[in-house]
Amino acid sequence: MYRLKKLHEKSNHLTLRGNLSWAMRELDKLCYKLNLPKAIQEETAILYRKAIKKGLAHGRKISCLTAASLYTICRMNQIPRTLDEVSRYSLSDKWKIAKYYRMILREMDLRVPNPKAKYGVSKIASEVGLSEKTQRKAIEILGE
């Protein structure tokens, strides 16, 4: 019985390690495609590990939980990345990521600040093709 217990513990440990290595590869790919800094990637990895320790990964897709963790950290750090952008580069569907995001917030008791409009100005302005002067004016107006 003792050997069976030890074998079971080893198999669970290997599964957890495999889960973590697969998630870190997925996270690395997402951060590269979304052009996010290394600090965000490391913060997301920490959040993902905490989610695993809380048992949130059990029976759930690794790619969804990884994408939701990344989206959570982006929101917490006021980085303007939408759920559409994260889901576009992830192996997951937008609605699943949103569901996992809400679960992470609820189960880990996290508070995410409301996004400030001035952080999204440069992104929107570059998509529309506005000049730098117009961008600065928009940020100035939003700052007041």
N, C-alpha and C. Protein backbone atom coordinates (compact mmCIF):
# COMPACT_ATOMS: atom_id res chain seq x y z
N MET A 1 0.83 -1.19 0.00
CA MET A 1 0.00 0.00 0.00
C MET A 1 0.87 1.26 0.00
N TYR A 2 1.97 1.23 0.76
CA TYR A 2 2.87 2.38 0.85
C TYR A 2 3.46 2.73 -0.51
N ARG A 3 3.90 1.69 -1.25
CA ARG A 3 4.48 1.95 -2.57
C ARG A 3 3.44 2.51 -3.54
N LEU A 4 2.22 2.04 -3.43
CA LEU A 4 1.15 2.54 -4.27
C LEU A 4 0.88 4.02 -3.98
N LYS A 5 0.91 4.38 -2.71
CA LYS A 5 0.70 5.77 -2.30
C LYS A 5 1.83 6.66 -2.86
N LYS A 6 3.06 6.20 -2.75
CA LYS A 6 4.21 6.96 -3.26
C LYS A 6 4.13 7.13 -4.78
N LEU A 7 3.75 6.08 -5.46
CA LEU A 7 3.62 6.13 -6.91
C LEU A 7 2.53 7.13 -7.31
N HIS A 8 1.43 7.13 -6.58
CA HIS A 8 0.34 8.06 -6.84
C HIS A 8 0.81 9.51 -6.64
N GLU A 9 1.56 9.77 -5.56
CA GLU A 9 2.07 11.12 -5.30
C GLU A 9 3.02 11.57 -6.41
N LYS A 10 3.87 10.67 -6.87
CA LYS A 10 4.79 11.02 -7.95
C LYS A 10 4.04 11.35 -9.24
N SER A 11 3.02 10.58 -9.55
CA SER A 11 2.28 10.84 -10.79
C SER A 11 1.55 12.17 -10.71
N ASN A 12 1.01 12.51 -9.55
CA ASN A 12 0.37 13.82 -9.39
C ASN A 12 1.37 14.94 -9.51
N HIS A 13 2.56 14.76 -8.96
CA HIS A 13 3.60 15.78 -9.03
C HIS A 13 4.03 16.00 -10.48
N LEU A 14 4.19 14.92 -11.22
CA LEU A 14 4.59 15.05 -12.62
C LEU A 14 3.51 15.74 -13.43
N THR A 15 2.26 15.45 -13.13
CA THR A 15 1.15 16.08 -13.84
C THR A 15 1.15 17.58 -13.58
N LEU A 16 1.36 17.96 -12.32
CA LEU A 16 1.40 19.37 -11.96
C LEU A 16 2.55 20.06 -12.68
N ARG A 17 3.71 19.41 -12.72
CA ARG A 17 4.86 19.99 -13.39
C ARG A 17 4.60 20.14 -14.89
N GLY A 18 3.96 19.13 -15.48
CA GLY A 18 3.62 19.20 -16.90
C GLY A 18 2.63 20.31 -17.18
N ASN A 19 1.65 20.46 -16.29
CA ASN A 19 0.66 21.53 -16.40
C ASN A 19 1.37 22.88 -16.36
N LEU A 20 2.26 23.04 -15.41
CA LEU A 20 2.95 24.31 -15.23
C LEU A 20 3.86 24.62 -16.41
N SER A 21 4.58 23.62 -16.91
CA SER A 21 5.48 23.89 -18.04
C SER A 21 4.69 24.23 -19.30
N TRP A 22 3.57 23.54 -19.51
CA TRP A 22 2.73 23.84 -20.68
C TRP A 22 2.15 25.25 -20.55
N ALA A 23 1.71 25.61 -19.35
CA ALA A 23 1.13 26.94 -19.12
C ALA A 23 2.18 28.03 -19.33
N MET A 24 3.41 27.78 -18.89
CA MET A 24 4.46 28.80 -19.04
C MET A 24 4.84 28.99 -20.51
N ARG A 25 4.81 27.92 -21.28
CA ARG A 25 5.06 28.06 -22.73
C ARG A 25 3.94 28.86 -23.38
N GLU A 26 2.71 28.57 -22.99
CA GLU A 26 1.54 29.30 -23.52
C GLU A 26 1.63 30.77 -23.13
N LEU A 27 2.01 31.03 -21.88
CA LEU A 27 2.13 32.40 -21.39
C LEU A 27 3.23 33.15 -22.13
N ASP A 28 4.34 32.50 -22.37
CA ASP A 28 5.45 33.11 -23.11
C ASP A 28 4.99 33.51 -24.51
N LYS A 29 4.25 32.62 -25.16
CA LYS A 29 3.74 32.90 -26.51
C LYS A 29 2.76 34.08 -26.50
N LEU A 30 1.85 34.09 -25.53
CA LEU A 30 0.87 35.17 -25.43
C LEU A 30 1.55 36.52 -25.19
N CYS A 31 2.50 36.55 -24.26
CA CYS A 31 3.18 37.81 -23.95
C CYS A 31 3.96 38.32 -25.15
N TYR A 32 4.57 37.41 -25.90
CA TYR A 32 5.31 37.81 -27.10
C TYR A 32 4.36 38.41 -28.14
N LYS A 33 3.25 37.74 -28.39
CA LYS A 33 2.31 38.21 -29.41
C LYS A 33 1.59 39.49 -29.01
N LEU A 34 1.36 39.67 -27.70
CA LEU A 34 0.69 40.88 -27.22
C LEU A 34 1.68 42.00 -26.89
N ASN A 35 2.97 41.72 -27.09
CA ASN A 35 4.02 42.70 -26.85
C ASN A 35 3.98 43.23 -25.41
N LEU A 36 3.98 42.30 -24.46
CA LEU A 36 3.93 42.66 -23.05
C LEU A 36 5.31 42.51 -22.42
N PRO A 37 5.63 43.34 -21.43
CA PRO A 37 6.94 43.26 -20.79
C PRO A 37 7.12 41.99 -19.95
N LYS A 38 8.36 41.67 -19.68
CA LYS A 38 8.71 40.47 -18.91
C LYS A 38 8.13 40.51 -17.50
N ALA A 39 8.03 41.71 -16.93
CA ALA A 39 7.49 41.85 -15.57
C ALA A 39 6.03 41.38 -15.52
N ILE A 40 5.27 41.66 -16.55
CA ILE A 40 3.87 41.23 -16.62
C ILE A 40 3.82 39.71 -16.73
N GLN A 41 4.72 39.15 -17.52
CA GLN A 41 4.77 37.70 -17.67
C GLN A 41 5.07 37.03 -16.33
N GLU A 42 6.01 37.58 -15.59
CA GLU A 42 6.38 37.01 -14.29
C GLU A 42 5.24 37.14 -13.28
N GLU A 43 4.57 38.28 -13.29
CA GLU A 43 3.44 38.49 -12.39
C GLU A 43 2.30 37.52 -12.72
N THR A 44 2.09 37.29 -14.00
CA THR A 44 1.05 36.35 -14.43
C THR A 44 1.40 34.93 -13.99
N ALA A 45 2.68 34.57 -14.11
CA ALA A 45 3.11 33.24 -13.69
C ALA A 45 2.86 33.04 -12.19
N ILE A 46 3.10 34.08 -11.40
CA ILE A 46 2.86 34.00 -9.96
C ILE A 46 1.37 33.80 -9.68
N LEU A 47 0.54 34.57 -10.37
CA LEU A 47 -0.91 34.44 -10.19
C LEU A 47 -1.38 33.04 -10.61
N TYR A 48 -0.84 32.53 -11.70
CA TYR A 48 -1.22 31.20 -12.18
C TYR A 48 -0.85 30.14 -11.15
N ARG A 49 0.36 30.25 -10.58
CA ARG A 49 0.78 29.28 -9.56
C ARG A 49 -0.13 29.33 -8.33
N LYS A 50 -0.54 30.55 -7.94
CA LYS A 50 -1.46 30.69 -6.81
C LYS A 50 -2.80 30.05 -7.13
N ALA A 51 -3.25 30.21 -8.38
CA ALA A 51 -4.52 29.59 -8.80
C ALA A 51 -4.43 28.07 -8.73
N ILE A 52 -3.29 27.53 -9.12
CA ILE A 52 -3.09 26.08 -9.06
C ILE A 52 -3.12 25.62 -7.60
N LYS A 53 -2.43 26.35 -6.73
CA LYS A 53 -2.41 25.98 -5.31
C LYS A 53 -3.80 26.02 -4.68
N LYS A 54 -4.64 26.94 -5.16
CA LYS A 54 -6.02 27.03 -4.65
C LYS A 54 -6.92 25.97 -5.26
N GLY A 55 -6.42 25.24 -6.25
CA GLY A 55 -7.21 24.18 -6.87
C GLY A 55 -8.10 24.66 -8.01
N LEU A 56 -7.83 25.84 -8.54
CA LEU A 56 -8.67 26.38 -9.61
C LEU A 56 -8.41 25.72 -10.96
N ALA A 57 -7.28 25.05 -11.10
CA ALA A 57 -6.94 24.45 -12.38
C ALA A 57 -7.55 23.06 -12.55
N HIS A 58 -8.01 22.49 -11.47
CA HIS A 58 -8.54 21.13 -11.51
C HIS A 58 -9.78 21.04 -12.41
N GLY A 59 -9.66 20.27 -13.50
CA GLY A 59 -10.78 20.08 -14.41
C GLY A 59 -11.02 21.22 -15.37
N ARG A 60 -10.07 22.14 -15.46
CA ARG A 60 -10.24 23.29 -16.34
C ARG A 60 -9.12 23.32 -17.38
N LYS A 61 -9.38 24.02 -18.48
CA LYS A 61 -8.39 24.11 -19.55
C LYS A 61 -7.22 24.99 -19.13
N ILE A 62 -6.02 24.50 -19.37
CA ILE A 62 -4.81 25.24 -19.02
C ILE A 62 -4.73 26.53 -19.82
N SER A 63 -5.05 26.45 -21.11
CA SER A 63 -4.94 27.63 -21.97
C SER A 63 -5.91 28.73 -21.53
N CYS A 64 -7.11 28.34 -21.12
CA CYS A 64 -8.09 29.34 -20.66
C CYS A 64 -7.63 29.99 -19.36
N LEU A 65 -7.15 29.18 -18.43
CA LEU A 65 -6.71 29.72 -17.14
C LEU A 65 -5.48 30.61 -17.32
N THR A 66 -4.59 30.23 -18.22
CA THR A 66 -3.41 31.05 -18.49
C THR A 66 -3.81 32.39 -19.10
N ALA A 67 -4.69 32.37 -20.08
CA ALA A 67 -5.15 33.60 -20.73
C ALA A 67 -5.91 34.48 -19.74
N ALA A 68 -6.74 33.87 -18.90
CA ALA A 68 -7.49 34.64 -17.91
C ALA A 68 -6.56 35.27 -16.87
N SER A 69 -5.52 34.55 -16.48
CA SER A 69 -4.53 35.09 -15.54
C SER A 69 -3.81 36.28 -16.16
N LEU A 70 -3.44 36.16 -17.42
CA LEU A 70 -2.77 37.25 -18.11
C LEU A 70 -3.68 38.46 -18.23
N TYR A 71 -4.93 38.24 -18.59
CA TYR A 71 -5.89 39.34 -18.70
C TYR A 71 -6.09 40.02 -17.35
N THR A 72 -6.14 39.24 -16.28
CA THR A 72 -6.29 39.80 -14.93
C THR A 72 -5.12 40.71 -14.59
N ILE A 73 -3.91 40.25 -14.85
CA ILE A 73 -2.72 41.04 -14.53
C ILE A 73 -2.67 42.30 -15.39
N CYS A 74 -3.06 42.19 -16.66
CA CYS A 74 -3.10 43.39 -17.52
C CYS A 74 -4.08 44.41 -16.95
N ARG A 75 -5.25 43.96 -16.53
CA ARG A 75 -6.24 44.87 -15.95
C ARG A 75 -5.73 45.48 -14.65
N MET A 76 -5.06 44.69 -13.82
CA MET A 76 -4.56 45.19 -12.53
C MET A 76 -3.47 46.24 -12.72
N ASN A 77 -2.71 46.11 -13.80
CA ASN A 77 -1.61 47.04 -14.08
C ASN A 77 -1.98 48.14 -15.07
N GLN A 78 -3.27 48.26 -15.37
CA GLN A 78 -3.77 49.29 -16.27
C GLN A 78 -3.14 49.22 -17.67
N ILE A 79 -2.88 48.01 -18.14
CA ILE A 79 -2.35 47.82 -19.49
C ILE A 79 -3.54 47.61 -20.42
N PRO A 80 -3.69 48.45 -21.43
CA PRO A 80 -4.90 48.38 -22.27
C PRO A 80 -4.88 47.21 -23.26
N ARG A 81 -5.24 46.04 -22.78
CA ARG A 81 -5.41 44.87 -23.65
C ARG A 81 -6.84 44.38 -23.45
N THR A 82 -7.54 44.21 -24.55
CA THR A 82 -8.93 43.77 -24.46
C THR A 82 -9.01 42.25 -24.40
N LEU A 83 -10.17 41.79 -24.02
CA LEU A 83 -10.42 40.36 -23.98
C LEU A 83 -10.34 39.77 -25.39
N ASP A 84 -10.76 40.55 -26.38
CA ASP A 84 -10.68 40.11 -27.77
C ASP A 84 -9.23 39.87 -28.19
N GLU A 85 -8.34 40.78 -27.80
CA GLU A 85 -6.92 40.64 -28.16
C GLU A 85 -6.32 39.40 -27.51
N VAL A 86 -6.61 39.20 -26.24
CA VAL A 86 -6.06 38.04 -25.53
C VAL A 86 -6.60 36.75 -26.15
N SER A 87 -7.89 36.71 -26.44
CA SER A 87 -8.47 35.48 -27.00
C SER A 87 -8.00 35.23 -28.44
N ARG A 88 -7.68 36.29 -29.17
CA ARG A 88 -7.21 36.13 -30.55
C ARG A 88 -5.91 35.33 -30.60
N TYR A 89 -5.02 35.56 -29.65
CA TYR A 89 -3.73 34.88 -29.65
C TYR A 89 -3.69 33.64 -28.76
N SER A 90 -4.75 33.43 -28.01
CA SER A 90 -4.82 32.27 -27.14
C SER A 90 -5.46 31.11 -27.89
N LEU A 91 -5.36 29.94 -27.30
CA LEU A 91 -6.01 28.76 -27.89
C LEU A 91 -7.44 28.64 -27.36
N SER A 92 -7.94 29.71 -26.75
CA SER A 92 -9.22 29.65 -26.05
C SER A 92 -10.23 30.62 -26.62
N ASP A 93 -11.46 30.34 -26.30
CA ASP A 93 -12.58 31.15 -26.74
C ASP A 93 -12.79 32.31 -25.76
N LYS A 94 -13.22 33.43 -26.28
CA LYS A 94 -13.37 34.67 -25.50
C LYS A 94 -14.27 34.49 -24.29
N TRP A 95 -15.37 33.78 -24.46
CA TRP A 95 -16.34 33.63 -23.37
C TRP A 95 -15.79 32.76 -22.25
N LYS A 96 -15.00 31.75 -22.60
CA LYS A 96 -14.37 30.90 -21.58
C LYS A 96 -13.36 31.71 -20.78
N ILE A 97 -12.57 32.53 -21.48
CA ILE A 97 -11.58 33.35 -20.78
C ILE A 97 -12.28 34.31 -19.83
N ALA A 98 -13.38 34.91 -20.28
CA ALA A 98 -14.14 35.83 -19.42
C ALA A 98 -14.68 35.11 -18.19
N LYS A 99 -15.16 33.90 -18.37
CA LYS A 99 -15.68 33.10 -17.25
C LYS A 99 -14.56 32.79 -16.25
N TYR A 100 -13.40 32.39 -16.75
CA TYR A 100 -12.27 32.07 -15.88
C TYR A 100 -11.74 33.33 -15.19
N TYR A 101 -11.78 34.46 -15.90
CA TYR A 101 -11.36 35.74 -15.32
C TYR A 101 -12.23 36.08 -14.11
N ARG A 102 -13.54 35.96 -14.27
CA ARG A 102 -14.45 36.23 -13.15
C ARG A 102 -14.22 35.25 -12.00
N MET A 103 -13.94 33.98 -12.34
CA MET A 103 -13.67 32.98 -11.32
C MET A 103 -12.40 33.33 -10.54
N ILE A 104 -11.35 33.76 -11.25
CA ILE A 104 -10.10 34.14 -10.58
C ILE A 104 -10.35 35.30 -9.62
N LEU A 105 -11.07 36.31 -10.09
CA LEU A 105 -11.36 37.46 -9.23
C LEU A 105 -12.15 37.03 -7.99
N ARG A 106 -13.14 36.19 -8.19
CA ARG A 106 -14.00 35.77 -7.08
C ARG A 106 -13.26 34.86 -6.10
N GLU A 107 -12.62 33.82 -6.61
CA GLU A 107 -12.00 32.82 -5.75
C GLU A 107 -10.73 33.32 -5.06
N MET A 108 -10.01 34.22 -5.70
CA MET A 108 -8.77 34.73 -5.11
C MET A 108 -8.98 36.08 -4.43
N ASP A 109 -10.22 36.54 -4.43
CA ASP A 109 -10.60 37.79 -3.76
C ASP A 109 -9.74 38.96 -4.23
N LEU A 110 -9.65 39.13 -5.54
CA LEU A 110 -8.86 40.22 -6.12
C LEU A 110 -9.75 41.39 -6.48
N ARG A 111 -9.20 42.56 -6.39
CA ARG A 111 -9.90 43.78 -6.79
C ARG A 111 -9.14 44.39 -7.97
N VAL A 112 -9.86 44.64 -9.05
CA VAL A 112 -9.26 45.22 -10.24
C VAL A 112 -9.79 46.63 -10.39
N PRO A 113 -8.90 47.63 -10.50
CA PRO A 113 -9.37 49.00 -10.67
C PRO A 113 -10.05 49.19 -12.03
N ASN A 114 -10.97 50.12 -12.08
CA ASN A 114 -11.62 50.44 -13.35
C ASN A 114 -10.58 51.01 -14.31
N PRO A 115 -10.64 50.62 -15.57
CA PRO A 115 -9.65 51.12 -16.53
C PRO A 115 -9.80 52.63 -16.74
N LYS A 116 -8.66 53.29 -16.76
CA LYS A 116 -8.65 54.73 -17.00
C LYS A 116 -8.56 54.98 -18.50
N ALA A 117 -9.35 55.90 -18.97
CA ALA A 117 -9.43 56.17 -20.41
C ALA A 117 -8.11 56.66 -20.99
N LYS A 118 -7.33 57.41 -20.19
CA LYS A 118 -6.10 57.97 -20.74
C LYS A 118 -5.08 56.90 -21.14
N TYR A 119 -5.17 55.69 -20.54
CA TYR A 119 -4.24 54.62 -20.89
C TYR A 119 -4.55 54.01 -22.26
N GLY A 120 -5.77 54.18 -22.73
CA GLY A 120 -6.14 53.61 -24.02
C GLY A 120 -6.06 54.57 -25.18
N VAL A 121 -5.73 55.84 -24.90
CA VAL A 121 -5.72 56.87 -25.95
C VAL A 121 -4.71 56.56 -27.04
N SER A 122 -3.48 56.23 -26.66
CA SER A 122 -2.45 56.00 -27.68
C SER A 122 -2.79 54.81 -28.56
N LYS A 123 -3.38 53.78 -27.96
CA LYS A 123 -3.76 52.60 -28.73
C LYS A 123 -4.85 52.94 -29.75
N ILE A 124 -5.86 53.64 -29.31
CA ILE A 124 -6.96 54.03 -30.20
C ILE A 124 -6.47 55.01 -31.26
N ALA A 125 -5.64 55.96 -30.84
CA ALA A 125 -5.13 56.96 -31.78
C ALA A 125 -4.28 56.32 -32.88
N SER A 126 -3.48 55.33 -32.52
CA SER A 126 -2.65 54.68 -33.54
C SER A 126 -3.51 53.87 -34.51
N GLU A 127 -4.59 53.27 -34.01
CA GLU A 127 -5.49 52.52 -34.89
C GLU A 127 -6.21 53.44 -35.87
N VAL A 128 -6.57 54.64 -35.40
CA VAL A 128 -7.29 55.60 -36.23
C VAL A 128 -6.34 56.40 -37.10
N GLY A 129 -5.09 56.57 -36.64
CA GLY A 129 -4.11 57.32 -37.41
C GLY A 129 -4.02 58.79 -37.03
N LEU A 130 -4.24 59.10 -35.75
CA LEU A 130 -4.16 60.49 -35.28
C LEU A 130 -2.71 60.89 -35.03
N SER A 131 -2.46 62.19 -35.09
CA SER A 131 -1.10 62.69 -34.86
C SER A 131 -0.77 62.66 -33.37
N GLU A 132 0.52 62.81 -33.10
CA GLU A 132 1.01 62.83 -31.71
C GLU A 132 0.43 64.02 -30.95
N LYS A 133 0.31 65.14 -31.63
CA LYS A 133 -0.23 66.36 -31.02
C LYS A 133 -1.68 66.13 -30.57
N THR A 134 -2.46 65.49 -31.42
CA THR A 134 -3.85 65.20 -31.09
C THR A 134 -3.94 64.22 -29.92
N GLN A 135 -3.04 63.27 -29.89
CA GLN A 135 -3.00 62.31 -28.77
C GLN A 135 -2.74 63.03 -27.46
N ARG A 136 -1.74 63.90 -27.46
CA ARG A 136 -1.41 64.65 -26.23
C ARG A 136 -2.57 65.50 -25.77
N LYS A 137 -3.26 66.12 -26.72
CA LYS A 137 -4.42 66.96 -26.39
C LYS A 137 -5.53 66.11 -25.77
N ALA A 138 -5.76 64.94 -26.33
CA ALA A 138 -6.79 64.03 -25.79
C ALA A 138 -6.44 63.59 -24.37
N ILE A 139 -5.17 63.26 -24.13
CA ILE A 139 -4.74 62.87 -22.79
C ILE A 139 -4.88 64.03 -21.82
N GLU A 140 -4.56 65.23 -22.30
CA GLU A 140 -4.69 66.43 -21.47
C GLU A 140 -6.16 66.65 -21.08
N ILE A 141 -7.06 66.48 -22.03
CA ILE A 141 -8.50 66.65 -21.76
C ILE A 141 -8.99 65.60 -20.76
N LEU A 142 -8.54 64.37 -20.95
CA LEU A 142 -8.95 63.29 -20.05
C LEU A 142 -8.36 63.45 -18.65
N GLY A 143 -7.21 64.08 -18.57
CA GLY A 143 -6.55 64.28 -17.28
C GLY A 143 -7.26 65.27 -16.39
N GLU A 144 -8.07 66.13 -16.97
CA GLU A 144 -8.74 67.18 -16.18
C GLU A 144 -9.95 66.68 -15.47
